Protein backbone atom coordinates (compact mmCIF):
# COMPACT_ATOMS: atom_id res chain seq x y z
CA UNK A 1 -135.11 100.98 241.21
CA UNK A 2 -138.52 100.70 242.86
CA UNK A 3 -139.05 98.70 246.03
CA UNK A 4 -140.95 95.45 245.74
CA UNK A 5 -141.08 94.89 249.50
CA UNK A 6 -140.66 97.64 252.07
CA UNK A 7 -140.39 96.90 255.79
CA UNK A 8 -140.58 100.07 257.89
CA UNK A 9 -139.72 100.36 261.59
CA UNK A 10 -140.94 96.83 262.26
CA UNK A 11 -141.37 95.76 265.88
CA UNK A 12 -142.39 92.32 267.11
CA UNK A 13 -142.66 91.42 270.78
CA UNK A 14 -144.03 88.47 272.70
CA UNK A 15 -144.83 89.93 276.11
CA UNK A 16 -141.60 91.43 277.52
CA UNK A 17 -139.47 89.64 274.89
CA UNK A 18 -138.55 91.75 271.87
CA UNK A 19 -137.76 89.71 268.76
CA UNK A 20 -137.49 92.44 266.11
CA UNK A 21 -136.77 96.04 267.07
CA UNK A 22 -137.22 99.00 264.69
CA UNK A 23 -136.17 96.88 261.71
CA UNK A 24 -136.31 98.51 258.27
CA UNK A 25 -135.53 96.88 254.94
CA UNK A 26 -136.04 97.84 251.29
CA UNK A 27 -136.04 95.01 248.73
CA UNK A 28 -135.80 95.97 245.06
CA UNK A 29 -138.14 94.75 242.37
CA UNK A 30 -136.86 91.46 240.95
CA UNK A 31 -134.15 91.10 243.61
CA UNK A 32 -133.07 87.82 245.20
CA UNK A 33 -132.50 88.77 248.84
CA UNK A 34 -131.22 86.26 251.39
CA UNK A 35 -131.79 86.59 255.14
CA UNK A 36 -128.79 84.86 256.69
CA UNK A 37 -127.98 84.18 260.32
CA UNK A 38 -127.73 81.58 263.10
CA UNK A 39 -130.76 79.88 264.65
CA UNK A 40 -132.81 82.31 266.75
CA UNK A 41 -131.58 85.47 265.02
CA UNK A 42 -135.08 86.44 263.78
CA UNK A 43 -134.76 85.70 260.07
CA UNK A 44 -137.72 83.28 259.82
CA UNK A 45 -139.73 85.55 262.12
CA UNK A 46 -139.14 88.46 259.73
CA UNK A 47 -140.19 86.31 256.76
CA UNK A 48 -143.38 85.25 258.58
CA UNK A 49 -144.17 88.91 259.32
CA UNK A 50 -143.84 89.74 255.61
CA UNK A 51 -146.06 86.75 254.79
CA UNK A 52 -148.69 87.82 257.33
CA UNK A 53 -148.34 84.65 259.40
CA UNK A 54 -147.42 86.72 262.46
CA UNK A 55 -149.14 89.89 263.66
CA UNK A 56 -146.54 92.59 264.18
CA UNK A 57 -146.46 94.85 267.24
CA UNK A 58 -145.67 98.06 265.35
CA UNK A 59 -144.44 99.27 261.98
CA UNK A 60 -145.60 98.82 258.40
CA UNK A 61 -145.10 96.38 255.52
CA UNK A 62 -145.58 97.34 251.87
CA UNK A 63 -145.64 94.95 248.90
CA UNK A 64 -145.56 96.51 245.44
CA UNK A 65 -146.34 99.90 247.00
CA UNK A 66 -149.47 98.60 248.77
CA UNK A 67 -149.74 98.66 252.56
CA UNK A 68 -150.40 95.02 253.51
CA UNK A 69 -149.59 95.35 257.23
CA UNK A 70 -152.95 93.98 258.36
CA UNK A 71 -154.01 92.02 255.27
CA UNK A 72 -154.46 88.25 255.29
CA UNK A 73 -151.62 86.15 253.78
CA UNK A 74 -153.83 85.12 250.84
CA UNK A 75 -154.36 88.77 249.90
CA UNK A 76 -150.69 89.84 249.92
CA UNK A 77 -149.71 88.55 246.48
CA UNK A 78 -147.09 86.16 247.83
CA UNK A 79 -146.12 82.54 247.28
CA UNK A 80 -144.39 80.73 250.13
CA UNK A 81 -142.24 77.60 250.27
CA UNK A 82 -141.57 76.07 253.68
CA UNK A 83 -138.83 73.82 255.07
CA UNK A 84 -141.29 70.91 255.18
CA UNK A 85 -142.86 69.99 251.86
CA UNK A 86 -146.40 70.01 253.33
CA UNK A 87 -147.89 68.16 250.33
CA UNK A 88 -151.27 66.44 250.41
CA UNK A 89 -150.37 62.72 250.39
CA UNK A 90 -153.69 61.57 248.91
CA UNK A 91 -153.38 63.89 245.89
CA UNK A 92 -151.22 63.52 242.79
CA UNK A 93 -148.56 66.10 241.98
CA UNK A 94 -151.02 67.71 239.57
CA UNK A 95 -153.65 67.81 242.31
CA UNK A 96 -151.24 69.42 244.76
CA UNK A 97 -150.29 72.09 242.23
CA UNK A 98 -153.87 72.91 241.28
CA UNK A 99 -155.56 72.64 244.71
CA UNK A 100 -155.15 76.26 245.77
CA UNK A 101 -156.26 77.55 242.37
CA UNK A 102 -159.37 75.36 242.36
CA UNK A 103 -160.36 76.82 245.72
CA UNK A 104 -160.38 80.28 244.15
CA UNK A 105 -162.76 78.99 241.44
CA UNK A 106 -160.33 79.85 238.70
CA UNK A 107 -161.39 78.61 235.23
CA UNK A 108 -160.21 75.07 234.48
CA UNK A 109 -158.29 76.02 231.34
CA UNK A 110 -156.27 78.69 233.18
CA UNK A 111 -155.49 76.21 235.98
CA UNK A 112 -154.30 73.68 233.39
CA UNK A 113 -152.06 76.28 231.73
CA UNK A 114 -150.53 77.43 235.02
CA UNK A 115 -149.83 73.88 236.19
CA UNK A 116 -148.29 72.99 232.82
CA UNK A 117 -146.08 76.08 232.87
CA UNK A 118 -144.86 75.45 236.44
CA UNK A 119 -144.20 71.77 235.65
CA UNK A 120 -142.19 72.75 232.57
CA UNK A 121 -140.09 75.32 234.43
CA UNK A 122 -139.35 72.90 237.29
CA UNK A 123 -138.90 69.88 234.99
CA UNK A 124 -141.52 67.77 236.82
CA UNK A 125 -143.81 67.07 233.85
CA UNK A 126 -143.26 63.26 234.03
CA UNK A 127 -144.26 63.32 237.72
CA UNK A 128 -147.69 64.94 237.44
CA UNK A 129 -149.65 61.67 237.90
CA UNK A 130 -147.57 60.42 240.84
CA UNK A 131 -148.37 60.84 244.53
CA UNK A 132 -145.84 62.36 246.99
CA UNK A 133 -144.95 58.96 248.47
CA UNK A 134 -143.50 57.96 245.07
CA UNK A 135 -141.22 61.02 244.89
CA UNK A 136 -137.70 61.67 246.15
CA UNK A 137 -136.97 64.52 248.56
CA UNK A 138 -135.72 66.75 245.75
CA UNK A 139 -138.80 66.03 243.63
CA UNK A 140 -141.12 66.81 246.55
CA UNK A 141 -139.41 70.13 247.11
CA UNK A 142 -139.79 70.96 243.43
CA UNK A 143 -143.51 70.28 243.76
CA UNK A 144 -143.66 72.53 246.85
CA UNK A 145 -141.96 75.29 244.85
CA UNK A 146 -144.36 74.66 241.98
CA UNK A 147 -147.35 75.09 244.29
CA UNK A 148 -146.12 78.61 245.05
CA UNK A 149 -145.24 79.21 241.41
CA UNK A 150 -148.74 78.55 240.02
CA UNK A 151 -150.10 81.43 242.08
CA UNK A 152 -148.20 83.82 239.80
CA UNK A 153 -147.25 85.84 242.88
CA UNK A 154 -145.44 89.17 243.00
CA UNK A 155 -143.09 87.96 245.73
CA UNK A 156 -141.83 84.47 246.58
CA UNK A 157 -140.80 83.65 250.15
CA UNK A 158 -138.56 80.66 250.92
CA UNK A 159 -138.07 79.47 254.51
CA UNK A 160 -135.01 77.17 254.50
CA UNK A 161 -136.47 75.04 251.68
CA UNK A 162 -133.36 72.90 251.16
CA UNK A 163 -132.37 72.15 254.75
CA UNK A 164 -134.02 68.69 254.78
CA UNK A 165 -132.12 67.51 251.69
CA UNK A 166 -128.74 65.81 251.47
CA UNK A 167 -125.68 67.77 250.30
CA UNK A 168 -125.85 66.65 246.65
CA UNK A 169 -129.55 67.49 246.29
CA UNK A 170 -129.03 70.86 247.99
CA UNK A 171 -126.32 71.70 245.48
CA UNK A 172 -128.52 70.67 242.53
CA UNK A 173 -131.57 72.59 243.74
CA UNK A 174 -129.48 75.71 244.41
CA UNK A 175 -128.71 75.76 240.71
CA UNK A 176 -132.40 75.19 239.90
CA UNK A 177 -133.47 78.08 242.14
CA UNK A 178 -130.95 80.41 240.52
CA UNK A 179 -132.23 79.44 237.07
CA UNK A 180 -135.81 79.87 238.27
CA UNK A 181 -135.10 83.41 239.45
CA UNK A 182 -133.37 84.28 236.20
CA UNK A 183 -136.36 82.96 234.25
CA UNK A 184 -139.15 84.53 236.32
CA UNK A 185 -137.39 87.75 237.41
CA UNK A 186 -139.75 87.89 240.42
CA UNK A 187 -138.72 89.21 243.81
CA UNK A 188 -137.52 86.38 246.04
CA UNK A 189 -136.75 86.48 249.77
CA UNK A 190 -134.89 83.43 251.01
CA UNK A 191 -134.13 82.44 254.62
CA UNK A 192 -131.15 80.22 255.42
CA UNK A 193 -128.41 79.61 257.97
CA UNK A 194 -126.21 78.12 255.23
CA UNK A 195 -123.70 80.72 254.06
CA UNK A 196 -122.91 78.79 250.86
CA UNK A 197 -126.56 79.01 249.83
CA UNK A 198 -126.54 82.72 250.63
CA UNK A 199 -123.34 83.52 248.74
CA UNK A 200 -124.31 81.52 245.64
CA UNK A 201 -127.97 82.59 245.36
CA UNK A 202 -128.24 86.17 246.53
CA UNK A 203 -128.13 89.52 244.81
CA UNK A 204 -127.84 90.93 248.33
CA UNK A 205 -127.53 89.32 251.75
CA UNK A 206 -128.88 90.65 255.06
CA UNK A 207 -126.84 89.10 257.88
CA UNK A 208 -128.90 89.04 261.09
CA UNK A 209 -128.07 88.60 264.76
CA UNK A 210 -130.43 89.05 267.74
CA UNK A 211 -133.15 90.50 265.50
CA UNK A 212 -130.85 93.19 264.05
CA UNK A 213 -129.45 93.39 260.51
CA UNK A 214 -125.69 93.54 260.98
CA UNK A 215 -124.87 94.18 257.33
CA UNK A 216 -126.80 94.38 254.07
CA UNK A 217 -124.63 94.04 250.99
CA UNK A 218 -123.86 92.01 247.87
CA UNK A 219 -122.00 88.72 248.47
CA UNK A 220 -118.59 90.00 247.32
CA UNK A 221 -118.70 93.07 249.57
CA UNK A 222 -119.95 91.01 252.50
CA UNK A 223 -117.10 88.53 252.11
CA UNK A 224 -114.27 90.96 251.44
CA UNK A 225 -115.33 93.91 253.61
CA UNK A 226 -117.41 92.62 256.55
CA UNK A 227 -118.88 95.43 258.65
CA UNK A 228 -118.03 93.81 261.99
CA UNK A 229 -116.40 90.77 263.55
CA UNK A 230 -119.66 88.80 263.73
CA UNK A 231 -120.23 89.06 259.97
CA UNK A 232 -116.57 88.26 259.30
CA UNK A 233 -116.72 85.13 261.44
CA UNK A 234 -120.12 83.93 260.24
CA UNK A 235 -119.52 84.32 256.50
CA UNK A 236 -116.77 82.19 254.99
CA UNK A 237 -115.78 78.53 255.10
CA UNK A 238 -113.26 77.85 256.50
CA UNK A 239 -113.84 80.68 258.94
CA UNK A 240 -111.74 83.84 259.05
CA UNK A 241 -108.69 83.82 261.35
CA UNK A 242 -108.69 86.39 264.16
CA UNK A 243 -105.50 87.67 265.82
CA UNK A 244 -105.75 89.84 268.94
CA UNK A 245 -103.20 92.63 269.13
CA UNK A 246 -102.44 96.34 269.18
CA UNK A 247 -101.80 99.06 266.63
CA UNK A 248 -98.19 100.25 266.76
CA UNK A 249 -95.82 102.30 264.65
CA UNK A 250 -92.93 100.53 262.86
CA UNK A 251 -90.43 102.46 260.74
CA UNK A 252 -92.80 105.41 260.75
CA UNK A 253 -95.73 103.36 259.39
CA UNK A 254 -98.84 101.85 261.06
CA UNK A 255 -98.43 98.20 262.01
CA UNK A 256 -100.23 95.43 263.89
CA UNK A 257 -98.48 93.70 266.77
CA UNK A 258 -99.41 90.41 268.36
CA UNK A 259 -96.86 89.30 270.98
CA UNK A 260 -93.56 88.86 269.08
CA UNK A 261 -94.85 89.42 265.55
CA UNK A 262 -95.21 92.86 263.94
CA UNK A 263 -97.17 93.01 260.68
CA UNK A 264 -96.84 96.31 258.74
CA UNK A 265 -100.18 97.67 257.50
CA UNK A 266 -98.85 99.61 254.53
CA UNK A 267 -101.15 97.67 252.19
CA UNK A 268 -104.27 98.14 254.31
CA UNK A 269 -106.81 100.73 253.11
CA UNK A 270 -106.78 103.97 255.15
CA UNK A 271 -103.96 102.65 257.34
CA UNK A 272 -102.70 106.19 257.84
CA UNK A 273 -105.83 107.00 259.87
CA UNK A 274 -105.19 104.29 262.47
CA UNK A 275 -104.02 105.49 265.91
CA UNK A 276 -101.12 103.61 267.59
CA UNK A 277 -101.93 102.02 270.94
CA UNK A 278 -105.46 100.99 270.01
CA UNK A 279 -106.41 97.36 270.81
CA UNK A 280 -107.59 95.72 267.59
CA UNK A 281 -108.33 92.35 266.00
CA UNK A 282 -106.75 91.44 262.65
CA UNK A 283 -108.92 89.22 260.45
CA UNK A 284 -107.31 87.08 257.75
CA UNK A 285 -109.10 84.71 255.37
CA UNK A 286 -107.32 81.34 254.98
CA UNK A 287 -106.89 81.90 251.24
CA UNK A 288 -105.23 85.29 251.82
CA UNK A 289 -102.22 83.74 253.57
CA UNK A 290 -99.39 82.24 251.51
CA UNK A 291 -97.40 79.37 252.92
CA UNK A 292 -93.80 78.15 252.47
CA UNK A 293 -92.58 78.51 248.85
CA UNK A 294 -95.81 80.38 247.99
CA UNK A 295 -94.66 83.17 250.32
CA UNK A 296 -91.80 83.67 247.83
CA UNK A 297 -90.04 86.99 248.12
CA UNK A 298 -92.92 88.83 249.76
CA UNK A 299 -91.64 92.03 251.44
CA UNK A 300 -93.09 91.00 254.81
CA UNK A 301 -92.66 87.34 255.78
CA UNK A 302 -93.21 85.73 259.16
CA UNK A 303 -92.75 82.33 260.69
CA UNK A 304 -95.46 80.11 262.17
CA UNK A 305 -95.44 76.61 263.60
CA UNK A 306 -96.98 73.75 261.63
CA UNK A 307 -99.58 71.64 263.51
CA UNK A 308 -101.64 69.59 261.03
CA UNK A 309 -103.20 69.59 257.57
CA UNK A 310 -106.64 68.62 256.31
CA UNK A 311 -106.78 67.42 252.68
CA UNK A 312 -109.93 68.87 251.07
CA UNK A 313 -109.69 67.46 247.56
CA UNK A 314 -108.79 70.39 245.33
CA UNK A 315 -106.67 71.99 248.06
CA UNK A 316 -105.54 71.59 251.68
CA UNK A 317 -106.38 73.38 254.90
CA UNK A 318 -103.21 73.75 256.93
CA UNK A 319 -103.31 74.61 260.62
CA UNK A 320 -100.47 76.68 262.06
CA UNK A 321 -99.84 78.51 265.30
CA UNK A 322 -98.61 82.11 265.29
CA UNK A 323 -97.75 83.61 268.67
CA UNK A 324 -100.28 81.34 270.36
CA UNK A 325 -103.04 82.05 267.82
CA UNK A 326 -104.42 79.17 265.69
CA UNK A 327 -104.10 80.05 262.02
CA UNK A 328 -105.72 78.21 259.10
CA UNK A 329 -104.22 78.52 255.62
CA UNK A 330 -105.74 77.35 252.35
CA UNK A 331 -103.04 76.06 250.02
CA UNK A 332 -102.69 73.71 247.06
CA UNK A 333 -99.77 71.60 248.24
CA UNK A 334 -98.24 70.55 251.56
CA UNK A 335 -94.91 68.76 251.17
CA UNK A 336 -92.53 67.44 253.79
CA UNK A 337 -93.92 69.30 256.80
CA UNK A 338 -93.77 67.70 260.23
CA UNK A 339 -95.48 68.77 263.45
CA UNK A 340 -93.52 71.59 265.05
CA UNK A 341 -91.75 72.73 261.87
CA UNK A 342 -91.32 76.48 261.43
CA UNK A 343 -92.68 77.62 258.06
CA UNK A 344 -92.60 81.06 256.40
CA UNK A 345 -95.92 82.76 255.70
CA UNK A 346 -96.91 85.98 253.92
CA UNK A 347 -100.14 87.93 254.27
CA UNK A 348 -102.20 89.65 251.55
CA UNK A 349 -102.77 92.85 253.56
CA UNK A 350 -105.11 94.62 251.08
CA UNK A 351 -107.59 91.76 251.65
CA UNK A 352 -107.27 91.77 255.46
CA UNK A 353 -109.82 93.21 257.92
CA UNK A 354 -109.16 95.21 261.08
CA UNK A 355 -111.76 95.40 263.86
CA UNK A 356 -111.89 97.52 266.99
CA UNK A 357 -111.34 95.18 269.94
CA UNK A 358 -114.18 96.71 271.98
CA UNK A 359 -116.95 97.57 269.51
CA UNK A 360 -115.97 94.81 267.00
CA UNK A 361 -116.66 97.26 264.15
CA UNK A 362 -114.50 97.34 261.06
CA UNK A 363 -111.84 100.04 261.00
């Protein structure tokens, strides 16, 4: 597959402060790529470099095979949607959608067709004669997306477009964006710190920290096989459990030991390559731990101490303590447990993650 956007050895510095360092990224034609990370990780900075809103220090940026490193934003063939709606309050929705096209002296009939098409796709046709003050937050964001859409751009850039909306609207517009991408099949690059947005929207996710891409993968791989402890802890809600311990040998097989508990690793991929005595961190997703009766007749069962439970509607988040480590478990039912009770648990080892205690890389 050909690259739609190619970022090569990108550097961006402000005086002695380096924001992006030798960053390279290839984005396929028609791909929905999400840049995910905490505030200050460089994701919006990278998007602004691709858009041409920031002058880079070194490196090159290609869009559709064309070197646009020093071209103006208007000449890059992009459409951009920002966190703030940035609509002209004195203009109607139709005026906001057509304003940029009128400035290019595009023929009136083509402007009308483009506005009508964008309004149909975004389901804002009844709103065309209204002004922004008469719109809800979700409607305003649809108009902002439509303003980028009418440009018929090669690449669409989204900078946290849903962060100002309430939870229900965010959920609704996530679905709309996914439908929009399926309809248009354009390349889309989307910045967010919300992992749910990333996991539900993306074809691939680039998780960033301190201006460096920690892992670039599809959502399933990112969730089930995180490359390092940062990715494992950042992606997933509730967060992954981490147990500090050491690799040991038990009955001739590799095992993980944390204080008084020894967990055999016979179900862990490539367990035979692990060296005993190495300090490691065992990562367990809450849904990969079975509790009480759910532990059933699992070959390896352990006991943990019950602390509290959080009802979450469809299921419960139960908090335990195992050898001093807090442990969250996602389970359907919690019956008759009191604080301090000892409860059996079982671990789905094939879905676990092991990280080197020093480098934090996945083993």
